[in-house]
Amino acid sequence: LVESGGGLVQAGGSLRLSCAASGRTFSTYAMGWFRQAPGLEREFVAA
């Protein structure tokens, strides 16, 4: 999995992240996004 699309944006703005999958992708059942802020646990965003 390779993510892209992150960056610096002002409050109220928008970003679109992408995640390209390669390899045994035919077996993929689900994909999700998580995030982790400094000092915090990784948390679920969407799937």
All heavy atoms as atom14 arrays in JSON, in Angstrom:
{
  "sequence": "LVESGGGLVQAGGSLRLSCAASGRTFSTYAMGWFRQAPGLEREFVAA",
  "atom14_mask": [
    [1, 1, 1, 1, 1, 1, 1, 1, 0, 0, 0, 0, 0, 0],
    [1, 1, 1, 1, 1, 1, 1, 0, 0, 0, 0, 0, 0, 0],
    [1, 1, 1, 1, 1, 1, 1, 1, 1, 0, 0, 0, 0, 0],
    [1, 1, 1, 1, 1, 1, 0, 0, 0, 0, 0, 0, 0, 0],
    [1, 1, 1, 1, 0, 0, 0, 0, 0, 0, 0, 0, 0, 0],
    [1, 1, 1, 1, 0, 0, 0, 0, 0, 0, 0, 0, 0, 0],
    [1, 1, 1, 1, 0, 0, 0, 0, 0, 0, 0, 0, 0, 0],
    [1, 1, 1, 1, 1, 1, 1, 1, 0, 0, 0, 0, 0, 0],
    [1, 1, 1, 1, 1, 1, 1, 0, 0, 0, 0, 0, 0, 0],
    [1, 1, 1, 1, 1, 1, 1, 1, 1, 0, 0, 0, 0, 0],
    [1, 1, 1, 1, 1, 0, 0, 0, 0, 0, 0, 0, 0, 0],
    [1, 1, 1, 1, 0, 0, 0, 0, 0, 0, 0, 0, 0, 0],
    [1, 1, 1, 1, 0, 0, 0, 0, 0, 0, 0, 0, 0, 0],
    [1, 1, 1, 1, 1, 1, 0, 0, 0, 0, 0, 0, 0, 0],
    [1, 1, 1, 1, 1, 1, 1, 1, 0, 0, 0, 0, 0, 0],
    [1, 1, 1, 1, 1, 1, 1, 1, 1, 1, 1, 0, 0, 0],
    [1, 1, 1, 1, 1, 1, 1, 1, 0, 0, 0, 0, 0, 0],
    [1, 1, 1, 1, 1, 1, 0, 0, 0, 0, 0, 0, 0, 0],
    [1, 1, 1, 1, 1, 1, 0, 0, 0, 0, 0, 0, 0, 0],
    [1, 1, 1, 1, 1, 0, 0, 0, 0, 0, 0, 0, 0, 0],
    [1, 1, 1, 1, 1, 0, 0, 0, 0, 0, 0, 0, 0, 0],
    [1, 1, 1, 1, 1, 1, 0, 0, 0, 0, 0, 0, 0, 0],
    [1, 1, 1, 1, 0, 0, 0, 0, 0, 0, 0, 0, 0, 0],
    [1, 1, 1, 1, 1, 1, 1, 1, 1, 1, 1, 0, 0, 0],
    [1, 1, 1, 1, 1, 1, 1, 0, 0, 0, 0, 0, 0, 0],
    [1, 1, 1, 1, 1, 1, 1, 1, 1, 1, 1, 0, 0, 0],
    [1, 1, 1, 1, 1, 1, 0, 0, 0, 0, 0, 0, 0, 0],
    [1, 1, 1, 1, 1, 1, 1, 0, 0, 0, 0, 0, 0, 0],
    [1, 1, 1, 1, 1, 1, 1, 1, 1, 1, 1, 1, 0, 0],
    [1, 1, 1, 1, 1, 0, 0, 0, 0, 0, 0, 0, 0, 0],
    [1, 1, 1, 1, 1, 1, 1, 1, 0, 0, 0, 0, 0, 0],
    [1, 1, 1, 1, 0, 0, 0, 0, 0, 0, 0, 0, 0, 0],
    [1, 1, 1, 1, 1, 1, 1, 1, 1, 1, 1, 1, 1, 1],
    [1, 1, 1, 1, 1, 1, 1, 1, 1, 1, 1, 0, 0, 0],
    [1, 1, 1, 1, 1, 1, 1, 1, 1, 1, 1, 0, 0, 0],
    [1, 1, 1, 1, 1, 1, 1, 1, 1, 0, 0, 0, 0, 0],
    [1, 1, 1, 1, 1, 0, 0, 0, 0, 0, 0, 0, 0, 0],
    [1, 1, 1, 1, 1, 1, 1, 0, 0, 0, 0, 0, 0, 0],
    [1, 1, 1, 1, 0, 0, 0, 0, 0, 0, 0, 0, 0, 0],
    [1, 1, 1, 1, 1, 1, 1, 1, 0, 0, 0, 0, 0, 0],
    [1, 1, 1, 1, 1, 1, 1, 1, 1, 0, 0, 0, 0, 0],
    [1, 1, 1, 1, 1, 1, 1, 1, 1, 1, 1, 0, 0, 0],
    [1, 1, 1, 1, 1, 1, 1, 1, 1, 0, 0, 0, 0, 0],
    [1, 1, 1, 1, 1, 1, 1, 1, 1, 1, 1, 0, 0, 0],
    [1, 1, 1, 1, 1, 1, 1, 0, 0, 0, 0, 0, 0, 0],
    [1, 1, 1, 1, 1, 0, 0, 0, 0, 0, 0, 0, 0, 0],
    [1, 1, 1, 1, 1, 0, 0, 0, 0, 0, 0, 0, 0, 0]
  ],
  "atom14_positions": [
    [[0.84, -1.19, 0.0], [0.0, 0.0, 0.0], [0.88, 1.24, 0.0], [1.81, 1.33, 0.81], [-0.91, 0.01, 1.23], [-1.8, -1.22, 1.43], [-2.52, -1.13, 2.77], [-2.8, -1.35, 0.29], [0.0, 0.0, 0.0], [0.0, 0.0, 0.0], [0.0, 0.0, 0.0], [0.0, 0.0, 0.0], [0.0, 0.0, 0.0], [0.0, 0.0, 0.0]],
    [[0.56, 2.18, -0.85], [1.3, 3.43, -0.92], [0.32, 4.59, -0.88], [-0.52, 4.74, -1.78], [2.16, 3.51, -2.2], [2.89, 4.84, -2.26], [3.15, 2.35, -2.25], [0.0, 0.0, 0.0], [0.0, 0.0, 0.0], [0.0, 0.0, 0.0], [0.0, 0.0, 0.0], [0.0, 0.0, 0.0], [0.0, 0.0, 0.0], [0.0, 0.0, 0.0]],
    [[0.43, 5.41, 0.16], [-0.43, 6.58, 0.31], [0.2, 7.8, -0.35], [1.42, 7.9, -0.46], [-0.69, 6.91, 1.78], [-1.29, 5.81, 2.61], [-0.27, 5.09, 3.45], [0.91, 5.05, 3.03], [-0.64, 4.57, 4.52], [0.0, 0.0, 0.0], [0.0, 0.0, 0.0], [0.0, 0.0, 0.0], [0.0, 0.0, 0.0], [0.0, 0.0, 0.0]],
    [[-0.65, 8.73, -0.74], [-0.21, 10.01, -1.26], [-1.32, 11.03, -1.05], [-2.45, 10.66, -0.72], [0.14, 9.9, -2.75], [-0.99, 9.51, -3.5], [0.0, 0.0, 0.0], [0.0, 0.0, 0.0], [0.0, 0.0, 0.0], [0.0, 0.0, 0.0], [0.0, 0.0, 0.0], [0.0, 0.0, 0.0], [0.0, 0.0, 0.0], [0.0, 0.0, 0.0]],
    [[-0.96, 12.3, -1.24], [-1.97, 13.34, -1.17], [-1.97, 14.17, 0.1], [-2.72, 15.13, 0.21], [0.0, 0.0, 0.0], [0.0, 0.0, 0.0], [0.0, 0.0, 0.0], [0.0, 0.0, 0.0], [0.0, 0.0, 0.0], [0.0, 0.0, 0.0], [0.0, 0.0, 0.0], [0.0, 0.0, 0.0], [0.0, 0.0, 0.0], [0.0, 0.0, 0.0]],
    [[-1.13, 13.81, 1.05], [-1.07, 14.6, 2.27], [-0.39, 15.94, 2.02], [0.15, 16.2, 0.94], [0.0, 0.0, 0.0], [0.0, 0.0, 0.0], [0.0, 0.0, 0.0], [0.0, 0.0, 0.0], [0.0, 0.0, 0.0], [0.0, 0.0, 0.0], [0.0, 0.0, 0.0], [0.0, 0.0, 0.0], [0.0, 0.0, 0.0], [0.0, 0.0, 0.0]],
    [[-0.44, 16.8, 3.04], [0.21, 18.09, 2.91], [-0.28, 19.06, 3.95], [-0.91, 18.68, 4.93], [0.0, 0.0, 0.0], [0.0, 0.0, 0.0], [0.0, 0.0, 0.0], [0.0, 0.0, 0.0], [0.0, 0.0, 0.0], [0.0, 0.0, 0.0], [0.0, 0.0, 0.0], [0.0, 0.0, 0.0], [0.0, 0.0, 0.0], [0.0, 0.0, 0.0]],
    [[0.01, 20.33, 3.7], [-0.37, 21.42, 4.61], [-1.56, 22.15, 4.01], [-1.53, 22.54, 2.84], [0.81, 22.37, 4.79], [0.55, 23.64, 5.59], [0.18, 23.31, 7.03], [1.78, 24.55, 5.54], [0.0, 0.0, 0.0], [0.0, 0.0, 0.0], [0.0, 0.0, 0.0], [0.0, 0.0, 0.0], [0.0, 0.0, 0.0], [0.0, 0.0, 0.0]],
    [[-2.59, 22.35, 4.82], [-3.79, 23.03, 4.35], [-4.33, 23.9, 5.48], [-4.14, 23.58, 6.66], [-4.85, 22.01, 3.89], [-5.32, 21.13, 5.03], [-6.03, 22.68, 3.2], [0.0, 0.0, 0.0], [0.0, 0.0, 0.0], [0.0, 0.0, 0.0], [0.0, 0.0, 0.0], [0.0, 0.0, 0.0], [0.0, 0.0, 0.0], [0.0, 0.0, 0.0]],
    [[-4.98, 24.97, 5.13], [-5.59, 25.84, 6.14], [-6.91, 25.25, 6.63], [-7.57, 24.5, 5.91], [-5.82, 27.24, 5.56], [-4.55, 28.04, 5.35], [-4.85, 29.48, 4.98], [-5.87, 29.77, 4.38], [-3.94, 30.38, 5.34], [0.0, 0.0, 0.0], [0.0, 0.0, 0.0], [0.0, 0.0, 0.0], [0.0, 0.0, 0.0], [0.0, 0.0, 0.0]],
    [[-7.26, 25.62, 7.84], [-8.54, 25.18, 8.39], [-9.68, 25.56, 7.44], [-9.69, 26.67, 6.9], [-8.77, 25.79, 9.76], [0.0, 0.0, 0.0], [0.0, 0.0, 0.0], [0.0, 0.0, 0.0], [0.0, 0.0, 0.0], [0.0, 0.0, 0.0], [0.0, 0.0, 0.0], [0.0, 0.0, 0.0], [0.0, 0.0, 0.0], [0.0, 0.0, 0.0]],
    [[-10.59, 24.63, 7.25], [-11.69, 24.82, 6.32], [-11.41, 24.31, 4.92], [-12.33, 24.23, 4.1], [0.0, 0.0, 0.0], [0.0, 0.0, 0.0], [0.0, 0.0, 0.0], [0.0, 0.0, 0.0], [0.0, 0.0, 0.0], [0.0, 0.0, 0.0], [0.0, 0.0, 0.0], [0.0, 0.0, 0.0], [0.0, 0.0, 0.0], [0.0, 0.0, 0.0]],
    [[-10.17, 23.97, 4.67], [-9.79, 23.49, 3.35], [-10.05, 22.01, 3.17], [-10.62, 21.35, 4.05], [0.0, 0.0, 0.0], [0.0, 0.0, 0.0], [0.0, 0.0, 0.0], [0.0, 0.0, 0.0], [0.0, 0.0, 0.0], [0.0, 0.0, 0.0], [0.0, 0.0, 0.0], [0.0, 0.0, 0.0], [0.0, 0.0, 0.0], [0.0, 0.0, 0.0]],
    [[-9.63, 21.5, 2.02], [-9.88, 20.11, 1.66], [-8.6, 19.45, 1.17], [-7.7, 20.12, 0.64], [-10.94, 20.01, 0.56], [-12.17, 20.55, 0.98], [0.0, 0.0, 0.0], [0.0, 0.0, 0.0], [0.0, 0.0, 0.0], [0.0, 0.0, 0.0], [0.0, 0.0, 0.0], [0.0, 0.0, 0.0], [0.0, 0.0, 0.0], [0.0, 0.0, 0.0]],
    [[-8.55, 18.15, 1.33], [-7.49, 17.32, 0.77], [-8.1, 15.99, 0.34], [-9.08, 15.54, 0.93], [-6.39, 17.04, 1.8], [-5.34, 18.1, 2.09], [-4.43, 17.63, 3.23], [-4.53, 18.43, 0.86], [0.0, 0.0, 0.0], [0.0, 0.0, 0.0], [0.0, 0.0, 0.0], [0.0, 0.0, 0.0], [0.0, 0.0, 0.0], [0.0, 0.0, 0.0]],
    [[-7.49, 15.38, -0.66], [-7.88, 14.04, -1.04], [-6.67, 13.13, -0.95], [-5.69, 13.34, -1.67], [-8.48, 13.98, -2.44], [-9.06, 12.59, -2.74], [-9.75, 12.5, -4.09], [-8.81, 12.28, -5.17], [-9.12, 11.69, -6.32], [-10.36, 11.26, -6.52], [-8.22, 11.53, -7.27], [0.0, 0.0, 0.0], [0.0, 0.0, 0.0], [0.0, 0.0, 0.0]],
    [[-6.77, 12.14, -0.1], [-5.72, 11.15, 0.03], [-6.0, 9.97, -0.91], [-7.15, 9.61, -1.13], [-5.62, 10.65, 1.46], [-5.45, 11.7, 2.56], [-5.3, 11.03, 3.92], [-4.28, 12.61, 2.29], [0.0, 0.0, 0.0], [0.0, 0.0, 0.0], [0.0, 0.0, 0.0], [0.0, 0.0, 0.0], [0.0, 0.0, 0.0], [0.0, 0.0, 0.0]],
    [[-4.93, 9.4, -1.4], [-5.04, 8.22, -2.25], [-4.19, 7.11, -1.66], [-3.16, 7.35, -1.03], [-4.55, 8.51, -3.67], [-5.3, 9.53, -4.27], [0.0, 0.0, 0.0], [0.0, 0.0, 0.0], [0.0, 0.0, 0.0], [0.0, 0.0, 0.0], [0.0, 0.0, 0.0], [0.0, 0.0, 0.0], [0.0, 0.0, 0.0], [0.0, 0.0, 0.0]],
    [[-4.62, 5.88, -1.89], [-3.86, 4.72, -1.46], [-3.91, 3.69, -2.58], [-4.97, 3.14, -2.88], [-4.42, 4.14, -0.18], [-3.64, 2.6, 0.34], [0.0, 0.0, 0.0], [0.0, 0.0, 0.0], [0.0, 0.0, 0.0], [0.0, 0.0, 0.0], [0.0, 0.0, 0.0], [0.0, 0.0, 0.0], [0.0, 0.0, 0.0], [0.0, 0.0, 0.0]],
    [[-2.76, 3.47, -3.2], [-2.68, 2.51, -4.29], [-2.21, 1.17, -3.76], [-1.19, 1.08, -3.07], [-1.72, 3.03, -5.35], [0.0, 0.0, 0.0], [0.0, 0.0, 0.0], [0.0, 0.0, 0.0], [0.0, 0.0, 0.0], [0.0, 0.0, 0.0], [0.0, 0.0, 0.0], [0.0, 0.0, 0.0], [0.0, 0.0, 0.0], [0.0, 0.0, 0.0]],
    [[-2.95, 0.13, -4.1], [-2.62, -1.22, -3.66], [-2.01, -2.0, -4.8], [-2.43, -1.88, -5.95], [-3.87, -1.92, -3.15], [0.0, 0.0, 0.0], [0.0, 0.0, 0.0], [0.0, 0.0, 0.0], [0.0, 0.0, 0.0], [0.0, 0.0, 0.0], [0.0, 0.0, 0.0], [0.0, 0.0, 0.0], [0.0, 0.0, 0.0], [0.0, 0.0, 0.0]],
    [[-1.03, -2.83, -4.48], [-0.4, -3.7, -5.47], [-0.12, -5.05, -4.82], [-0.15, -5.19, -3.61], [0.88, -3.08, -6.04], [1.82, -2.86, -5.0], [0.0, 0.0, 0.0], [0.0, 0.0, 0.0], [0.0, 0.0, 0.0], [0.0, 0.0, 0.0], [0.0, 0.0, 0.0], [0.0, 0.0, 0.0], [0.0, 0.0, 0.0], [0.0, 0.0, 0.0]],
    [[0.17, -6.03, -5.65], [0.41, -7.37, -5.14], [-0.85, -8.21, -5.27], [-1.53, -8.17, -6.28], [0.0, 0.0, 0.0], [0.0, 0.0, 0.0], [0.0, 0.0, 0.0], [0.0, 0.0, 0.0], [0.0, 0.0, 0.0], [0.0, 0.0, 0.0], [0.0, 0.0, 0.0], [0.0, 0.0, 0.0], [0.0, 0.0, 0.0], [0.0, 0.0, 0.0]],
    [[-1.2, -8.95, -4.22], [-2.33, -9.86, -4.24], [-3.64, -9.12, -3.98], [-4.39, -9.44, -3.07], [-2.15, -10.97, -3.22], [-0.99, -11.89, -3.54], [-0.77, -12.91, -2.43], [-1.93, -13.76, -2.2], [-2.17, -14.88, -2.85], [-1.33, -15.3, -3.79], [-3.24, -15.61, -2.57], [0.0, 0.0, 0.0], [0.0, 0.0, 0.0], [0.0, 0.0, 0.0]],
    [[-3.92, -8.13, -4.82], [-5.08, -7.27, -4.59], [-6.4, -7.98, -4.84], [-7.44, -7.54, -4.36], [-5.01, -6.03, -5.46], [-4.89, -6.42, -6.83], [-3.81, -5.16, -5.08], [0.0, 0.0, 0.0], [0.0, 0.0, 0.0], [0.0, 0.0, 0.0], [0.0, 0.0, 0.0], [0.0, 0.0, 0.0], [0.0, 0.0, 0.0], [0.0, 0.0, 0.0]],
    [[-6.38, -9.09, -5.57], [-7.63, -9.79, -5.84], [-8.24, -10.36, -4.58], [-9.42, -10.68, -4.53], [-7.4, -10.91, -6.86], [-6.45, -11.98, -6.38], [-6.9, -13.05, -5.62], [-5.11, -11.9, -6.67], [-6.04, -14.02, -5.18], [-4.23, -12.87, -6.23], [-4.69, -13.94, -5.49], [0.0, 0.0, 0.0], [0.0, 0.0, 0.0], [0.0, 0.0, 0.0]],
    [[-7.43, -10.5, -3.54], [-7.91, -11.08, -2.29], [-8.38, -10.02, -1.3], [-8.77, -10.34, -0.19], [-6.81, -11.92, -1.63], [-5.72, -11.1, -1.25], [0.0, 0.0, 0.0], [0.0, 0.0, 0.0], [0.0, 0.0, 0.0], [0.0, 0.0, 0.0], [0.0, 0.0, 0.0], [0.0, 0.0, 0.0], [0.0, 0.0, 0.0], [0.0, 0.0, 0.0]],
    [[-8.37, -8.76, -1.72], [-8.73, -7.68, -0.79], [-10.2, -7.76, -0.42], [-11.07, -7.83, -1.3], [-8.43, -6.31, -1.41], [-7.03, -6.25, -1.71], [-8.79, -5.19, -0.45], [0.0, 0.0, 0.0], [0.0, 0.0, 0.0], [0.0, 0.0, 0.0], [0.0, 0.0, 0.0], [0.0, 0.0, 0.0], [0.0, 0.0, 0.0], [0.0, 0.0, 0.0]],
    [[-10.48, -7.73, 0.86], [-11.86, -7.74, 1.34], [-12.3, -6.35, 1.78], [-13.42, -5.94, 1.51], [-12.0, -8.7, 2.51], [-13.4, -8.78, 3.06], [-14.36, -9.57, 2.45], [-13.77, -8.03, 4.17], [-15.65, -9.62, 2.93], [-15.05, -8.08, 4.66], [-15.99, -8.88, 4.04], [-17.27, -8.93, 4.51], [0.0, 0.0, 0.0], [0.0, 0.0, 0.0]],
    [[-11.43, -5.66, 2.46], [-11.77, -4.32, 2.96], [-10.51, -3.47, 3.0], [-9.4, -3.97, 3.13], [-12.38, -4.41, 4.35], [0.0, 0.0, 0.0], [0.0, 0.0, 0.0], [0.0, 0.0, 0.0], [0.0, 0.0, 0.0], [0.0, 0.0, 0.0], [0.0, 0.0, 0.0], [0.0, 0.0, 0.0], [0.0, 0.0, 0.0], [0.0, 0.0, 0.0]],
    [[-10.72, -2.18, 2.88], [-9.63, -1.21, 3.04], [-10.12, -0.1, 3.95], [-11.31, 0.23, 3.97], [-9.17, -0.65, 1.7], [-8.53, -1.71, 0.82], [-7.78, -1.02, -0.67], [-6.34, -0.2, 0.01], [0.0, 0.0, 0.0], [0.0, 0.0, 0.0], [0.0, 0.0, 0.0], [0.0, 0.0, 0.0], [0.0, 0.0, 0.0], [0.0, 0.0, 0.0]],
    [[-9.19, 0.46, 4.67], [-9.58, 1.5, 5.62], [-8.52, 2.56, 5.75], [-7.39, 2.43, 5.25], [0.0, 0.0, 0.0], [0.0, 0.0, 0.0], [0.0, 0.0, 0.0], [0.0, 0.0, 0.0], [0.0, 0.0, 0.0], [0.0, 0.0, 0.0], [0.0, 0.0, 0.0], [0.0, 0.0, 0.0], [0.0, 0.0, 0.0], [0.0, 0.0, 0.0]],
    [[-8.91, 3.64, 6.4], [-8.01, 4.74, 6.75], [-8.02, 4.9, 8.27], [-9.09, 4.91, 8.9], [-8.46, 6.05, 6.11], [-8.24, 6.11, 4.63], [-9.14, 5.85, 3.64], [-7.02, 6.49, 3.96], [-8.57, 6.03, 2.41], [-7.27, 6.43, 2.57], [-5.76, 6.87, 4.39], [-6.3, 6.74, 1.62], [-4.8, 7.18, 3.45], [-5.07, 7.11, 2.08]],
    [[-6.82, 5.02, 8.8], [-6.64, 5.32, 10.2], [-5.74, 6.55, 10.29], [-5.08, 6.91, 9.32], [-5.98, 4.14, 10.93], [-6.87, 2.94, 11.1], [-7.16, 2.13, 10.02], [-7.43, 2.64, 12.33], [-8.0, 1.02, 10.16], [-8.25, 1.54, 12.49], [-8.54, 0.74, 11.4], [0.0, 0.0, 0.0], [0.0, 0.0, 0.0], [0.0, 0.0, 0.0]],
    [[-5.7, 7.16, 11.45], [-4.8, 8.3, 11.62], [-4.21, 8.26, 13.02], [-4.8, 7.71, 13.95], [-5.53, 9.61, 11.38], [-6.54, 9.99, 12.44], [-7.28, 11.25, 12.04], [-8.12, 11.76, 13.12], [-8.92, 12.81, 13.0], [-9.01, 13.45, 11.84], [-9.65, 13.2, 14.03], [0.0, 0.0, 0.0], [0.0, 0.0, 0.0], [0.0, 0.0, 0.0]],
    [[-3.05, 8.89, 13.14], [-2.36, 8.93, 14.42], [-1.73, 10.3, 14.61], [-0.87, 10.7, 13.82], [-1.31, 7.83, 14.51], [-0.68, 7.7, 15.87], [0.13, 6.42, 16.01], [0.5, 5.78, 15.02], [0.39, 6.01, 17.24], [0.0, 0.0, 0.0], [0.0, 0.0, 0.0], [0.0, 0.0, 0.0], [0.0, 0.0, 0.0], [0.0, 0.0, 0.0]],
    [[-2.16, 10.97, 15.65], [-1.59, 12.26, 16.02], [-0.5, 12.02, 17.06], [-0.51, 11.0, 17.75], [-2.68, 13.17, 16.59], [0.0, 0.0, 0.0], [0.0, 0.0, 0.0], [0.0, 0.0, 0.0], [0.0, 0.0, 0.0], [0.0, 0.0, 0.0], [0.0, 0.0, 0.0], [0.0, 0.0, 0.0], [0.0, 0.0, 0.0], [0.0, 0.0, 0.0]],
    [[0.44, 12.94, 17.21], [1.53, 12.76, 18.16], [1.03, 12.5, 19.57], [0.16, 13.22, 20.08], [2.28, 14.1, 18.09], [2.0, 14.6, 16.73], [0.59, 14.18, 16.43], [0.0, 0.0, 0.0], [0.0, 0.0, 0.0], [0.0, 0.0, 0.0], [0.0, 0.0, 0.0], [0.0, 0.0, 0.0], [0.0, 0.0, 0.0], [0.0, 0.0, 0.0]],
    [[1.55, 11.46, 20.19], [1.18, 11.13, 21.56], [-0.14, 10.41, 21.72], [-0.54, 10.09, 22.84], [0.0, 0.0, 0.0], [0.0, 0.0, 0.0], [0.0, 0.0, 0.0], [0.0, 0.0, 0.0], [0.0, 0.0, 0.0], [0.0, 0.0, 0.0], [0.0, 0.0, 0.0], [0.0, 0.0, 0.0], [0.0, 0.0, 0.0], [0.0, 0.0, 0.0]],
    [[-0.82, 10.14, 20.61], [-2.12, 9.49, 20.68], [-2.08, 8.15, 19.96], [-1.2, 7.89, 19.15], [-3.2, 10.37, 20.07], [-3.42, 11.73, 20.71], [-4.51, 12.5, 19.97], [-3.76, 11.6, 22.18], [0.0, 0.0, 0.0], [0.0, 0.0, 0.0], [0.0, 0.0, 0.0], [0.0, 0.0, 0.0], [0.0, 0.0, 0.0], [0.0, 0.0, 0.0]],
    [[-3.07, 7.32, 20.25], [-3.16, 6.04, 19.57], [-3.7, 6.21, 18.16], [-4.39, 7.18, 17.84], [-4.08, 5.1, 20.36], [-3.52, 4.66, 21.7], [-4.35, 3.57, 22.34], [-5.41, 3.24, 21.78], [-3.94, 3.06, 23.39], [0.0, 0.0, 0.0], [0.0, 0.0, 0.0], [0.0, 0.0, 0.0], [0.0, 0.0, 0.0], [0.0, 0.0, 0.0]],
    [[-3.39, 5.23, 17.35], [-3.92, 5.23, 15.99], [-5.43, 4.98, 16.05], [-5.88, 4.05, 16.7], [-3.23, 4.16, 15.15], [-3.47, 4.26, 13.67], [-2.57, 3.33, 12.89], [-1.16, 3.63, 13.12], [-0.16, 3.05, 12.43], [-0.45, 2.16, 11.5], [1.09, 3.35, 12.7], [0.0, 0.0, 0.0], [0.0, 0.0, 0.0], [0.0, 0.0, 0.0]],
    [[-6.19, 5.83, 15.36], [-7.64, 5.72, 15.46], [-8.28, 5.54, 14.09], [-7.75, 5.97, 13.06], [-8.22, 6.97, 16.13], [-8.0, 8.26, 15.37], [-8.68, 9.46, 16.03], [-9.34, 9.28, 17.08], [-8.54, 10.57, 15.49], [0.0, 0.0, 0.0], [0.0, 0.0, 0.0], [0.0, 0.0, 0.0], [0.0, 0.0, 0.0], [0.0, 0.0, 0.0]],
    [[-9.43, 4.93, 14.11], [-10.16, 4.64, 12.89], [-10.74, 5.91, 12.29], [-11.24, 6.79, 13.02], [-11.3, 3.66, 13.21], [-12.25, 3.42, 12.09], [-11.91, 2.58, 11.04], [-13.49, 4.04, 12.06], [-12.79, 2.35, 10.0], [-14.39, 3.81, 11.03], [-14.02, 2.98, 10.0], [0.0, 0.0, 0.0], [0.0, 0.0, 0.0], [0.0, 0.0, 0.0]],
    [[-10.7, 6.0, 10.97], [-11.29, 7.14, 10.26], [-12.45, 6.67, 9.38], [-13.57, 7.15, 9.51], [-10.24, 7.85, 9.38], [-10.9, 8.96, 8.57], [-9.11, 8.4, 10.23], [0.0, 0.0, 0.0], [0.0, 0.0, 0.0], [0.0, 0.0, 0.0], [0.0, 0.0, 0.0], [0.0, 0.0, 0.0], [0.0, 0.0, 0.0], [0.0, 0.0, 0.0]],
    [[-12.17, 5.74, 8.49], [-13.2, 5.26, 7.56], [-12.75, 3.94, 6.94], [-11.56, 3.64, 6.92], [-13.46, 6.29, 6.46], [0.0, 0.0, 0.0], [0.0, 0.0, 0.0], [0.0, 0.0, 0.0], [0.0, 0.0, 0.0], [0.0, 0.0, 0.0], [0.0, 0.0, 0.0], [0.0, 0.0, 0.0], [0.0, 0.0, 0.0], [0.0, 0.0, 0.0]],
    [[-13.72, 3.18, 6.43], [-13.4, 1.91, 5.78], [-14.43, 1.63, 4.7], [-15.52, 2.19, 4.69], [-13.37, 0.77, 6.79], [0.0, 0.0, 0.0], [0.0, 0.0, 0.0], [0.0, 0.0, 0.0], [0.0, 0.0, 0.0], [0.0, 0.0, 0.0], [0.0, 0.0, 0.0], [0.0, 0.0, 0.0], [0.0, 0.0, 0.0], [0.0, 0.0, 0.0]]
  ]
}
